[in-house]
Amino acid sequence: MTKETNSLPPKTCTIEKLVTVADDIEKVINGQKTATRRNGIYADIGEVMVLKNHKFAVKTIYAQKLGDVTEENARQEGYQNLDEYKQSILSMHPGMKWLPDMNVWVHEYELVK
């Protein structure tokens, strides 16, 4: 896992598309989901995501290989375990394979008080 937040490439999408699945939105609001992995960068550090009038600030963004995703990472994503997280991701992206060397961008966020 590489936590290099000083030299991030430009965003490839917008923060509004970081968390869009209804169940995931509820998990974020309820504090069960504090991170989202994407194939690109969807926010800048410090940028605020608004979900149902709740604000969440992106605190960290870093690259991670799918093969390095841990059980704890899966819980940050709002799942009970890594297998449940993998199955969810693969079901959302038909034809996708869980490739250990594939890089994803981890966006960690927290409630703005």
PDB file of N, CA and C in Angstrom:
ATOM      1  N   MET A   1       0.848  -1.163   0.000  1.00  0.00           N
ATOM      2  CA  MET A   1       0.000   0.000   0.000  1.00  0.00           C
ATOM      3  C   MET A   1       0.896   1.229   0.000  1.00  0.00           C
ATOM      4  N   THR A   2       0.590   2.158  -0.888  1.00  0.00           N
ATOM      5  CA  THR A   2       1.368   3.377  -0.989  1.00  0.00           C
ATOM      6  C   THR A   2       0.505   4.556  -0.585  1.00  0.00           C
ATOM      7  N   LYS A   3       0.933   5.301   0.419  1.00  0.00           N
ATOM      8  CA  LYS A   3       0.178   6.473   0.835  1.00  0.00           C
ATOM      9  C   LYS A   3       0.956   7.715   0.447  1.00  0.00           C
ATOM     10  N   GLU A   4       0.877   8.062  -0.832  1.00  0.00           N
ATOM     11  CA  GLU A   4       1.539   9.262  -1.330  1.00  0.00           C
ATOM     12  C   GLU A   4       0.468  10.243  -1.752  1.00  0.00           C
ATOM     13  N   THR A   5       0.143  11.176  -0.883  1.00  0.00           N
ATOM     14  CA  THR A   5      -0.934  12.094  -1.189  1.00  0.00           C
ATOM     15  C   THR A   5      -0.417  13.416  -1.732  1.00  0.00           C
ATOM     16  N   ASN A   6       0.885  13.622  -1.768  1.00  0.00           N
ATOM     17  CA  ASN A   6       1.428  14.890  -2.223  1.00  0.00           C
ATOM     18  C   ASN A   6       1.491  15.000  -3.733  1.00  0.00           C
ATOM     19  N   SER A   7       1.631  13.905  -4.440  1.00  0.00           N
ATOM     20  CA  SER A   7       1.824  13.958  -5.881  1.00  0.00           C
ATOM     21  C   SER A   7       0.792  13.104  -6.605  1.00  0.00           C
ATOM     22  N   LEU A   8      -0.465  13.456  -6.433  1.00  0.00           N
ATOM     23  CA  LEU A   8      -1.534  12.693  -7.078  1.00  0.00           C
ATOM     24  C   LEU A   8      -1.730  13.163  -8.506  1.00  0.00           C
ATOM     25  N   PRO A   9      -2.073  12.238  -9.401  1.00  0.00           N
ATOM     26  CA  PRO A   9      -2.415  12.653 -10.756  1.00  0.00           C
ATOM     27  C   PRO A   9      -3.742  13.430 -10.746  1.00  0.00           C
ATOM     28  N   PRO A  10      -4.106  14.052 -11.856  1.00  0.00           N
ATOM     29  CA  PRO A  10      -5.367  14.793 -11.905  1.00  0.00           C
ATOM     30  C   PRO A  10      -6.578  13.873 -11.745  1.00  0.00           C
ATOM     31  N   LYS A  11      -7.670  14.467 -11.317  1.00  0.00           N
ATOM     32  CA  LYS A  11      -8.916  13.713 -11.174  1.00  0.00           C
ATOM     33  C   LYS A  11      -9.365  13.179 -12.534  1.00  0.00           C
ATOM     34  N   THR A  12      -9.962  11.985 -12.483  1.00  0.00           N
ATOM     35  CA  THR A  12     -10.491  11.380 -13.698  1.00  0.00           C
ATOM     36  C   THR A  12     -12.013  11.404 -13.706  1.00  0.00           C
ATOM     37  N   CYS A  13     -12.614  11.824 -12.609  1.00  0.00           N
ATOM     38  CA  CYS A  13     -14.062  11.870 -12.476  1.00  0.00           C
ATOM     39  C   CYS A  13     -14.391  12.915 -11.409  1.00  0.00           C
ATOM     40  N   THR A  14     -15.665  13.045 -11.073  1.00  0.00           N
ATOM     41  CA  THR A  14     -16.059  14.028 -10.070  1.00  0.00           C
ATOM     42  C   THR A  14     -16.473  13.359  -8.772  1.00  0.00           C
ATOM     43  N   ILE A  15     -16.381  14.115  -7.688  1.00  0.00           N
ATOM     44  CA  ILE A  15     -16.699  13.578  -6.362  1.00  0.00           C
ATOM     45  C   ILE A  15     -18.159  13.117  -6.284  1.00  0.00           C
ATOM     46  N   GLU A  16     -19.033  13.710  -7.084  1.00  0.00           N
ATOM     47  CA  GLU A  16     -20.449  13.308  -7.071  1.00  0.00           C
ATOM     48  C   GLU A  16     -20.627  11.850  -7.485  1.00  0.00           C
ATOM     49  N   LYS A  17     -19.650  11.292  -8.172  1.00  0.00           N
ATOM     50  CA  LYS A  17     -19.750   9.900  -8.630  1.00  0.00           C
ATOM     51  C   LYS A  17     -18.939   8.939  -7.761  1.00  0.00           C
ATOM     52  N   LEU A  18     -18.380   9.434  -6.657  1.00  0.00           N
ATOM     53  CA  LEU A  18     -17.564   8.581  -5.785  1.00  0.00           C
ATOM     54  C   LEU A  18     -18.412   7.511  -5.107  1.00  0.00           C
ATOM     55  N   VAL A  19     -19.546   7.905  -4.536  1.00  0.00           N
ATOM     56  CA  VAL A  19     -20.455   6.963  -3.876  1.00  0.00           C
ATOM     57  C   VAL A  19     -21.843   7.202  -4.452  1.00  0.00           C
ATOM     58  N   THR A  20     -22.353   6.227  -5.217  1.00  0.00           N
ATOM     59  CA  THR A  20     -23.638   6.416  -5.899  1.00  0.00           C
ATOM     60  C   THR A  20     -24.662   5.317  -5.616  1.00  0.00           C
ATOM     61  N   VAL A  21     -24.215   4.164  -5.166  1.00  0.00           N
ATOM     62  CA  VAL A  21     -25.129   3.049  -4.890  1.00  0.00           C
ATOM     63  C   VAL A  21     -25.892   3.339  -3.591  1.00  0.00           C
ATOM     64  N   ALA A  22     -27.218   3.197  -3.634  1.00  0.00           N
ATOM     65  CA  ALA A  22     -28.064   3.546  -2.488  1.00  0.00           C
ATOM     66  C   ALA A  22     -27.600   2.885  -1.184  1.00  0.00           C
ATOM     67  N   ASP A  23     -27.295   1.588  -1.223  1.00  0.00           N
ATOM     68  CA  ASP A  23     -26.837   0.891  -0.010  1.00  0.00           C
ATOM     69  C   ASP A  23     -25.530   1.491   0.504  1.00  0.00           C
ATOM     70  N   ASP A  24     -24.635   1.843  -0.407  1.00  0.00           N
ATOM     71  CA  ASP A  24     -23.358   2.438  -0.003  1.00  0.00           C
ATOM     72  C   ASP A  24     -23.564   3.818   0.603  1.00  0.00           C
ATOM     73  N   ILE A  25     -24.471   4.599   0.034  1.00  0.00           N
ATOM     74  CA  ILE A  25     -24.765   5.926   0.600  1.00  0.00           C
ATOM     75  C   ILE A  25     -25.220   5.782   2.044  1.00  0.00           C
ATOM     76  N   GLU A  26     -26.103   4.828   2.290  1.00  0.00           N
ATOM     77  CA  GLU A  26     -26.586   4.598   3.667  1.00  0.00           C
ATOM     78  C   GLU A  26     -25.443   4.162   4.580  1.00  0.00           C
ATOM     79  N   LYS A  27     -24.557   3.308   4.076  1.00  0.00           N
ATOM     80  CA  LYS A  27     -23.411   2.851   4.870  1.00  0.00           C
ATOM     81  C   LYS A  27     -22.500   4.020   5.228  1.00  0.00           C
ATOM     82  N   VAL A  28     -22.290   4.945   4.295  1.00  0.00           N
ATOM     83  CA  VAL A  28     -21.447   6.114   4.589  1.00  0.00           C
ATOM     84  C   VAL A  28     -22.113   6.966   5.657  1.00  0.00           C
ATOM     85  N   ILE A  29     -23.390   7.260   5.474  1.00  0.00           N
ATOM     86  CA  ILE A  29     -24.118   8.104   6.432  1.00  0.00           C
ATOM     87  C   ILE A  29     -24.123   7.479   7.818  1.00  0.00           C
ATOM     88  N   ASN A  30     -24.246   6.151   7.884  1.00  0.00           N
ATOM     89  CA  ASN A  30     -24.285   5.448   9.174  1.00  0.00           C
ATOM     90  C   ASN A  30     -22.904   5.170   9.754  1.00  0.00           C
ATOM     91  N   GLY A  31     -21.841   5.589   9.058  1.00  0.00           N
ATOM     92  CA  GLY A  31     -20.486   5.393   9.563  1.00  0.00           C
ATOM     93  C   GLY A  31     -19.916   4.008   9.337  1.00  0.00           C
ATOM     94  N   GLN A  32     -20.603   3.180   8.543  1.00  0.00           N
ATOM     95  CA  GLN A  32     -20.134   1.817   8.278  1.00  0.00           C
ATOM     96  C   GLN A  32     -19.155   1.755   7.117  1.00  0.00           C
ATOM     97  N   LYS A  33     -19.135   2.805   6.300  1.00  0.00           N
ATOM     98  CA  LYS A  33     -18.265   2.853   5.118  1.00  0.00           C
ATOM     99  C   LYS A  33     -17.477   4.155   5.186  1.00  0.00           C
ATOM    100  N   THR A  34     -16.149   4.034   5.233  1.00  0.00           N
ATOM    101  CA  THR A  34     -15.286   5.212   5.360  1.00  0.00           C
ATOM    102  C   THR A  34     -14.259   5.302   4.240  1.00  0.00           C
ATOM    103  N   ALA A  35     -14.380   4.412   3.250  1.00  0.00           N
ATOM    104  CA  ALA A  35     -13.440   4.418   2.124  1.00  0.00           C
ATOM    105  C   ALA A  35     -14.124   3.872   0.876  1.00  0.00           C
ATOM    106  N   THR A  36     -13.662   4.358  -0.269  1.00  0.00           N
ATOM    107  CA  THR A  36     -14.140   3.867  -1.552  1.00  0.00           C
ATOM    108  C   THR A  36     -12.948   3.692  -2.478  1.00  0.00           C
ATOM    109  N   ARG A  37     -12.875   2.537  -3.111  1.00  0.00           N
ATOM    110  CA  ARG A  37     -11.825   2.251  -4.088  1.00  0.00           C
ATOM    111  C   ARG A  37     -12.395   2.413  -5.491  1.00  0.00           C
ATOM    112  N   ARG A  38     -11.652   3.132  -6.324  1.00  0.00           N
ATOM    113  CA  ARG A  38     -12.062   3.381  -7.706  1.00  0.00           C
ATOM    114  C   ARG A  38     -10.863   3.195  -8.618  1.00  0.00           C
ATOM    115  N   ASN A  39     -11.136   3.052  -9.916  1.00  0.00           N
ATOM    116  CA  ASN A  39     -10.040   2.881 -10.867  1.00  0.00           C
ATOM    117  C   ASN A  39      -9.418   4.206 -11.282  1.00  0.00           C
ATOM    118  N   GLY A  40      -9.908   5.305 -10.737  1.00  0.00           N
ATOM    119  CA  GLY A  40      -9.354   6.631 -10.989  1.00  0.00           C
ATOM    120  C   GLY A  40      -9.520   7.497  -9.755  1.00  0.00           C
ATOM    121  N   ILE A  41      -9.088   8.728  -9.867  1.00  0.00           N
ATOM    122  CA  ILE A  41      -9.225   9.664  -8.752  1.00  0.00           C
ATOM    123  C   ILE A  41     -10.494  10.478  -8.962  1.00  0.00           C
ATOM    124  N   TYR A  42     -11.385  10.428  -7.971  1.00  0.00           N
ATOM    125  CA  TYR A  42     -12.693  11.069  -8.078  1.00  0.00           C
ATOM    126  C   TYR A  42     -12.803  12.323  -7.212  1.00  0.00           C
ATOM    127  N   ALA A  43     -11.759  12.664  -6.488  1.00  0.00           N
ATOM    128  CA  ALA A  43     -11.816  13.820  -5.594  1.00  0.00           C
ATOM    129  C   ALA A  43     -10.416  14.322  -5.321  1.00  0.00           C
ATOM    130  N   ASP A  44     -10.357  15.491  -4.756  1.00  0.00           N
ATOM    131  CA  ASP A  44      -9.100  16.034  -4.249  1.00  0.00           C
ATOM    132  C   ASP A  44      -9.138  15.926  -2.732  1.00  0.00           C
ATOM    133  N   ILE A  45      -7.987  15.856  -2.112  1.00  0.00           N
ATOM    134  CA  ILE A  45      -7.934  15.826  -0.652  1.00  0.00           C
ATOM    135  C   ILE A  45      -8.534  17.130  -0.138  1.00  0.00           C
ATOM    136  N   GLY A  46      -9.431  16.993   0.830  1.00  0.00           N
ATOM    137  CA  GLY A  46     -10.118  18.150   1.389  1.00  0.00           C
ATOM    138  C   GLY A  46     -11.448  18.449   0.723  1.00  0.00           C
ATOM    139  N   GLU A  47     -11.671  17.870  -0.448  1.00  0.00           N
ATOM    140  CA  GLU A  47     -12.939  18.099  -1.144  1.00  0.00           C
ATOM    141  C   GLU A  47     -14.077  17.466  -0.340  1.00  0.00           C
ATOM    142  N   VAL A  48     -15.261  18.075  -0.418  1.00  0.00           N
ATOM    143  CA  VAL A  48     -16.405  17.626   0.373  1.00  0.00           C
ATOM    144  C   VAL A  48     -17.443  16.952  -0.521  1.00  0.00           C
ATOM    145  N   MET A  49     -17.865  15.772  -0.073  1.00  0.00           N
ATOM    146  CA  MET A  49     -18.911  14.988  -0.730  1.00  0.00           C
ATOM    147  C   MET A  49     -20.186  15.177   0.088  1.00  0.00           C
ATOM    148  N   VAL A  50     -21.301  15.455  -0.573  1.00  0.00           N
ATOM    149  CA  VAL A  50     -22.577  15.636   0.126  1.00  0.00           C
ATOM    150  C   VAL A  50     -23.492  14.475  -0.243  1.00  0.00           C
ATOM    151  N   LEU A  51     -23.928  13.750   0.789  1.00  0.00           N
ATOM    152  CA  LEU A  51     -24.843  12.619   0.615  1.00  0.00           C
ATOM    153  C   LEU A  51     -26.055  12.846   1.507  1.00  0.00           C
ATOM    154  N   LYS A  52     -27.210  13.090   0.899  1.00  0.00           N
ATOM    155  CA  LYS A  52     -28.449  13.325   1.655  1.00  0.00           C
ATOM    156  C   LYS A  52     -28.241  14.374   2.747  1.00  0.00           C
ATOM    157  N   ASN A  53     -27.673  15.490   2.390  1.00  0.00           N
ATOM    158  CA  ASN A  53     -27.426  16.628   3.285  1.00  0.00           C
ATOM    159  C   ASN A  53     -26.374  16.370   4.361  1.00  0.00           C
ATOM    160  N   HIS A  54     -25.645  15.267   4.278  1.00  0.00           N
ATOM    161  CA  HIS A  54     -24.537  14.991   5.183  1.00  0.00           C
ATOM    162  C   HIS A  54     -23.249  15.264   4.407  1.00  0.00           C
ATOM    163  N   LYS A  55     -22.289  15.904   5.053  1.00  0.00           N
ATOM    164  CA  LYS A  55     -21.043  16.260   4.379  1.00  0.00           C
ATOM    165  C   LYS A  55     -19.896  15.383   4.879  1.00  0.00           C
ATOM    166  N   PHE A  56     -19.098  14.921   3.925  1.00  0.00           N
ATOM    167  CA  PHE A  56     -17.943  14.074   4.212  1.00  0.00           C
ATOM    168  C   PHE A  56     -16.739  14.638   3.476  1.00  0.00           C
ATOM    169  N   ALA A  57     -15.656  14.873   4.193  1.00  0.00           N
ATOM    170  CA  ALA A  57     -14.443  15.413   3.590  1.00  0.00           C
ATOM    171  C   ALA A  57     -13.476  14.281   3.267  1.00  0.00           C
ATOM    172  N   VAL A  58     -12.887  14.348   2.084  1.00  0.00           N
ATOM    173  CA  VAL A  58     -11.874  13.371   1.674  1.00  0.00           C
ATOM    174  C   VAL A  58     -10.595  13.717   2.421  1.00  0.00           C
ATOM    175  N   LYS A  59     -10.095  12.761   3.213  1.00  0.00           N
ATOM    176  CA  LYS A  59      -8.906  13.041   4.030  1.00  0.00           C
ATOM    177  C   LYS A  59      -7.637  12.439   3.461  1.00  0.00           C
ATOM    178  N   THR A  60      -7.758  11.358   2.690  1.00  0.00           N
ATOM    179  CA  THR A  60      -6.582  10.686   2.145  1.00  0.00           C
ATOM    180  C   THR A  60      -6.946  10.027   0.826  1.00  0.00           C
ATOM    181  N   ILE A  61      -6.004  10.050  -0.099  1.00  0.00           N
ATOM    182  CA  ILE A  61      -6.142   9.320  -1.362  1.00  0.00           C
ATOM    183  C   ILE A  61      -4.796   8.647  -1.622  1.00  0.00           C
ATOM    184  N   TYR A  62      -4.842   7.365  -1.928  1.00  0.00           N
ATOM    185  CA  TYR A  62      -3.597   6.650  -2.221  1.00  0.00           C
ATOM    186  C   TYR A  62      -3.869   5.461  -3.134  1.00  0.00           C
ATOM    187  N   ALA A  63      -2.833   5.013  -3.809  1.00  0.00           N
ATOM    188  CA  ALA A  63      -2.920   3.859  -4.703  1.00  0.00           C
ATOM    189  C   ALA A  63      -2.761   2.571  -3.902  1.00  0.00           C
ATOM    190  N   GLN A  64      -3.456   1.536  -4.360  1.00  0.00           N
ATOM    191  CA  GLN A  64      -3.358   0.222  -3.727  1.00  0.00           C
ATOM    192  C   GLN A  64      -3.610  -0.843  -4.790  1.00  0.00           C
ATOM    193  N   LYS A  65      -2.906  -1.937  -4.716  1.00  0.00           N
ATOM    194  CA  LYS A  65      -3.164  -3.066  -5.611  1.00  0.00           C
ATOM    195  C   LYS A  65      -4.297  -3.904  -5.018  1.00  0.00           C
ATOM    196  N   LEU A  66      -5.146  -4.439  -5.870  1.00  0.00           N
ATOM    197  CA  LEU A  66      -6.248  -5.265  -5.372  1.00  0.00           C
ATOM    198  C   LEU A  66      -5.733  -6.413  -4.517  1.00  0.00           C
ATOM    199  N   GLY A  67      -4.572  -6.947  -4.861  1.00  0.00           N
ATOM    200  CA  GLY A  67      -4.000  -8.043  -4.088  1.00  0.00           C
ATOM    201  C   GLY A  67      -3.581  -7.642  -2.685  1.00  0.00           C
ATOM    202  N   ASP A  68      -3.487  -6.321  -2.437  1.00  0.00           N
ATOM    203  CA  ASP A  68      -3.104  -5.827  -1.111  1.00  0.00           C
ATOM    204  C   ASP A  68      -4.300  -5.419  -0.257  1.00  0.00           C
ATOM    205  N   VAL A  69      -5.510  -5.543  -0.794  1.00  0.00           N
ATOM    206  CA  VAL A  69      -6.707  -5.196  -0.029  1.00  0.00           C
ATOM    207  C   VAL A  69      -6.868  -6.216   1.103  1.00  0.00           C
ATOM    208  N   THR A  70      -7.032  -5.722   2.323  1.00  0.00           N
ATOM    209  CA  THR A  70      -7.096  -6.566   3.520  1.00  0.00           C
ATOM    210  C   THR A  70      -8.536  -6.716   4.025  1.00  0.00           C
ATOM    211  N   GLU A  71      -8.693  -7.565   5.003  1.00  0.00           N
ATOM    212  CA  GLU A  71      -9.994  -7.715   5.671  1.00  0.00           C
ATOM    213  C   GLU A  71     -10.423  -6.366   6.271  1.00  0.00           C
ATOM    214  N   GLU A  72      -9.483  -5.659   6.880  1.00  0.00           N
ATOM    215  CA  GLU A  72      -9.788  -4.344   7.466  1.00  0.00           C
ATOM    216  C   GLU A  72     -10.228  -3.362   6.382  1.00  0.00           C
ATOM    217  N   ASN A  73      -9.564  -3.397   5.225  1.00  0.00           N
ATOM    218  CA  ASN A  73      -9.962  -2.532   4.112  1.00  0.00           C
ATOM    219  C   ASN A  73     -11.400  -2.841   3.684  1.00  0.00           C
ATOM    220  N   ALA A  74     -11.751  -4.119   3.637  1.00  0.00           N
ATOM    221  CA  ALA A  74     -13.109  -4.518   3.259  1.00  0.00           C
ATOM    222  C   ALA A  74     -14.122  -3.973   4.264  1.00  0.00           C
ATOM    223  N   ARG A  75     -13.767  -3.969   5.546  1.00  0.00           N
ATOM    224  CA  ARG A  75     -14.666  -3.413   6.562  1.00  0.00           C
ATOM    225  C   ARG A  75     -14.807  -1.899   6.382  1.00  0.00           C
ATOM    226  N   GLN A  76     -13.698  -1.212   5.994  1.00  0.00           N
ATOM    227  CA  GLN A  76     -13.779   0.232   5.708  1.00  0.00           C
ATOM    228  C   GLN A  76     -14.732   0.491   4.543  1.00  0.00           C
ATOM    229  N   GLU A  77     -14.838  -0.469   3.647  1.00  0.00           N
ATOM    230  CA  GLU A  77     -15.733  -0.356   2.499  1.00  0.00           C
ATOM    231  C   GLU A  77     -17.179  -0.704   2.872  1.00  0.00           C
ATOM    232  N   GLY A  78     -17.386  -1.142   4.119  1.00  0.00           N
ATOM    233  CA  GLY A  78     -18.738  -1.430   4.587  1.00  0.00           C
ATOM    234  C   GLY A  78     -19.163  -2.880   4.474  1.00  0.00           C
ATOM    235  N   TYR A  79     -18.183  -3.783   4.319  1.00  0.00           N
ATOM    236  CA  TYR A  79     -18.489  -5.210   4.188  1.00  0.00           C
ATOM    237  C   TYR A  79     -17.976  -5.976   5.395  1.00  0.00           C
ATOM    238  N   GLN A  80     -18.546  -7.160   5.604  1.00  0.00           N
ATOM    239  CA  GLN A  80     -18.157  -7.999   6.746  1.00  0.00           C
ATOM    240  C   GLN A  80     -16.749  -8.551   6.592  1.00  0.00           C
ATOM    241  N   ASN A  81     -16.374  -8.870   5.339  1.00  0.00           N
ATOM    242  CA  ASN A  81     -15.072  -9.478   5.110  1.00  0.00           C
ATOM    243  C   ASN A  81     -14.640  -9.263   3.659  1.00  0.00           C
ATOM    244  N   LEU A  82     -13.434  -9.651   3.365  1.00  0.00           N
ATOM    245  CA  LEU A  82     -12.855  -9.441   2.046  1.00  0.00           C
ATOM    246  C   LEU A  82     -13.612 -10.193   0.953  1.00  0.00           C
ATOM    247  N   ASP A  83     -14.031 -11.409   1.218  1.00  0.00           N
ATOM    248  CA  ASP A  83     -14.742 -12.183   0.211  1.00  0.00           C
ATOM    249  C   ASP A  83     -16.066 -11.508  -0.155  1.00  0.00           C
ATOM    250  N   GLU A  84     -16.781 -11.006   0.843  1.00  0.00           N
ATOM    251  CA  GLU A  84     -18.047 -10.312   0.590  1.00  0.00           C
ATOM    252  C   GLU A  84     -17.797  -9.059  -0.264  1.00  0.00           C
ATOM    253  N   TYR A  85     -16.736  -8.337   0.039  1.00  0.00           N
ATOM    254  CA  TYR A  85     -16.384  -7.141  -0.741  1.00  0.00           C
ATOM    255  C   TYR A  85     -16.055  -7.524  -2.191  1.00  0.00           C
ATOM    256  N   LYS A  86     -15.217  -8.538  -2.363  1.00  0.00           N
ATOM    257  CA  LYS A  86     -14.852  -8.984  -3.713  1.00  0.00           C
ATOM    258  C   LYS A  86     -16.088  -9.361  -4.517  1.00  0.00           C
ATOM    259  N   GLN A  87     -16.968 -10.164  -3.920  1.00  0.00           N
ATOM    260  CA  GLN A  87     -18.169 -10.612  -4.628  1.00  0.00           C
ATOM    261  C   GLN A  87     -19.051  -9.429  -5.021  1.00  0.00           C
ATOM    262  N   SER A  88     -19.151  -8.441  -4.154  1.00  0.00           N
ATOM    263  CA  SER A  88     -19.950  -7.254  -4.452  1.00  0.00           C
ATOM    264  C   SER A  88     -19.369  -6.486  -5.631  1.00  0.00           C
ATOM    265  N   ILE A  89     -18.061  -6.260  -5.600  1.00  0.00           N
ATOM    266  CA  ILE A  89     -17.400  -5.526  -6.680  1.00  0.00           C
ATOM    267  C   ILE A  89     -17.560  -6.270  -8.005  1.00  0.00           C
ATOM    268  N   LEU A  90     -17.326  -7.563  -7.995  1.00  0.00           N
ATOM    269  CA  LEU A  90     -17.413  -8.342  -9.232  1.00  0.00           C
ATOM    270  C   LEU A  90     -18.847  -8.398  -9.769  1.00  0.00           C
ATOM    271  N   SER A  91     -19.836  -8.388  -8.873  1.00  0.00           N
ATOM    272  CA  SER A  91     -21.228  -8.408  -9.335  1.00  0.00           C
ATOM    273  C   SER A  91     -21.641  -7.053  -9.916  1.00  0.00           C
ATOM    274  N   MET A  92     -21.025  -5.966  -9.456  1.00  0.00           N
ATOM    275  CA  MET A  92     -21.329  -4.632  -9.979  1.00  0.00           C
ATOM    276  C   MET A  92     -20.683  -4.382 -11.333  1.00  0.00           C
ATOM    277  N   HIS A  93     -19.597  -5.105 -11.611  1.00  0.00           N
ATOM    278  CA  HIS A  93     -18.842  -4.908 -12.848  1.00  0.00           C
ATOM    279  C   HIS A  93     -18.749  -6.234 -13.609  1.00  0.00           C
ATOM    280  N   PRO A  94     -19.822  -6.580 -14.336  1.00  0.00           N
ATOM    281  CA  PRO A  94     -19.828  -7.854 -15.070  1.00  0.00           C
ATOM    282  C   PRO A  94     -18.605  -7.979 -15.982  1.00  0.00           C
ATOM    283  N   GLY A  95     -17.996  -9.141 -15.936  1.00  0.00           N
ATOM    284  CA  GLY A  95     -16.820  -9.403 -16.762  1.00  0.00           C
ATOM    285  C   GLY A  95     -15.506  -9.011 -16.107  1.00  0.00           C
ATOM    286  N   MET A  96     -15.570  -8.250 -15.021  1.00  0.00           N
ATOM    287  CA  MET A  96     -14.341  -7.848 -14.328  1.00  0.00           C
ATOM    288  C   MET A  96     -13.753  -9.049 -13.602  1.00  0.00           C
ATOM    289  N   LYS A  97     -12.454  -9.109 -13.598  1.00  0.00           N
ATOM    290  CA  LYS A  97     -11.754 -10.131 -12.820  1.00  0.00           C
ATOM    291  C   LYS A  97     -10.996  -9.427 -11.698  1.00  0.00           C
ATOM    292  N   TRP A  98     -10.877 -10.098 -10.567  1.00  0.00           N
ATOM    293  CA  TRP A  98     -10.123  -9.567  -9.430  1.00  0.00           C
ATOM    294  C   TRP A  98      -8.655  -9.863  -9.704  1.00  0.00           C
ATOM    295  N   LEU A  99      -7.955  -8.899 -10.265  1.00  0.00           N
ATOM    296  CA  LEU A  99      -6.551  -9.074 -10.629  1.00  0.00           C
ATOM    297  C   LEU A  99      -5.660  -8.489  -9.539  1.00  0.00           C
ATOM    298  N   PRO A 100      -4.878  -9.319  -8.859  1.00  0.00           N
ATOM    299  CA  PRO A 100      -4.062  -8.847  -7.740  1.00  0.00           C
ATOM    300  C   PRO A 100      -3.145  -7.670  -8.078  1.00  0.00           C
ATOM    301  N   ASP A 101      -2.685  -7.566  -9.325  1.00  0.00           N
ATOM    302  CA  ASP A 101      -1.785  -6.479  -9.697  1.00  0.00           C
ATOM    303  C   ASP A 101      -2.504  -5.212 -10.166  1.00  0.00           C
ATOM    304  N   MET A 102      -3.830  -5.253 -10.241  1.00  0.00           N
ATOM    305  CA  MET A 102      -4.583  -4.071 -10.683  1.00  0.00           C
ATOM    306  C   MET A 102      -4.517  -2.984  -9.619  1.00  0.00           C
ATOM    307  N   ASN A 103      -4.170  -1.781 -10.051  1.00  0.00           N
ATOM    308  CA  ASN A 103      -4.131  -0.640  -9.138  1.00  0.00           C
ATOM    309  C   ASN A 103      -5.499   0.018  -9.049  1.00  0.00           C
ATOM    310  N   VAL A 104      -5.865   0.406  -7.839  1.00  0.00           N
ATOM    311  CA  VAL A 104      -7.061   1.208  -7.597  1.00  0.00           C
ATOM    312  C   VAL A 104      -6.653   2.393  -6.737  1.00  0.00           C
ATOM    313  N   TRP A 105      -7.510   3.405  -6.702  1.00  0.00           N
ATOM    314  CA  TRP A 105      -7.272   4.585  -5.875  1.00  0.00           C
ATOM    315  C   TRP A 105      -8.217   4.535  -4.695  1.00  0.00           C
ATOM    316  N   VAL A 106      -7.659   4.588  -3.498  1.00  0.00           N
ATOM    317  CA  VAL A 106      -8.436   4.555  -2.274  1.00  0.00           C
ATOM    318  C   VAL A 106      -8.737   5.991  -1.863  1.00  0.00           C
ATOM    319  N   HIS A 107     -10.018   6.273  -1.642  1.00  0.00           N
ATOM    320  CA  HIS A 107     -10.474   7.573  -1.161  1.00  0.00           C
ATOM    321  C   HIS A 107     -11.012   7.338   0.245  1.00  0.00           C
ATOM    322  N   GLU A 108     -10.351   7.878   1.260  1.00  0.00           N
ATOM    323  CA  GLU A 108     -10.846   7.768   2.636  1.00  0.00           C
ATOM    324  C   GLU A 108     -11.471   9.099   3.025  1.00  0.00           C
ATOM    325  N   TYR A 109     -12.596   9.038   3.725  1.00  0.00           N
ATOM    326  CA  TYR A 109     -13.305  10.268   4.067  1.00  0.00           C
ATOM    327  C   TYR A 109     -13.886  10.155   5.457  1.00  0.00           C
ATOM    328  N   GLU A 110     -14.307  11.329   5.977  1.00  0.00           N
ATOM    329  CA  GLU A 110     -14.891  11.369   7.311  1.00  0.00           C
ATOM    330  C   GLU A 110     -15.971  12.443   7.351  1.00  0.00           C
ATOM    331  N   LEU A 111     -16.890  12.273   8.270  1.00  0.00           N
ATOM    332  CA  LEU A 111     -17.994  13.208   8.451  1.00  0.00           C
ATOM    333  C   LEU A 111     -17.465  14.584   8.818  1.00  0.00           C
ATOM    334  N   VAL A 112     -18.002  15.615   8.190  1.00  0.00           N
ATOM    335  CA  VAL A 112     -17.657  16.987   8.536  1.00  0.00           C
ATOM    336  C   VAL A 112     -18.604  17.401   9.651  1.00  0.00           C
ATOM    337  N   LYS A 113     -18.027  17.775  10.794  1.00  0.00           N
ATOM    338  CA  LYS A 113     -18.868  18.136  11.946  1.00  0.00           C
ATOM    339  C   LYS A 113     -19.067  19.626  12.037  1.00  0.00           C
TER     340      LYS A 113
END
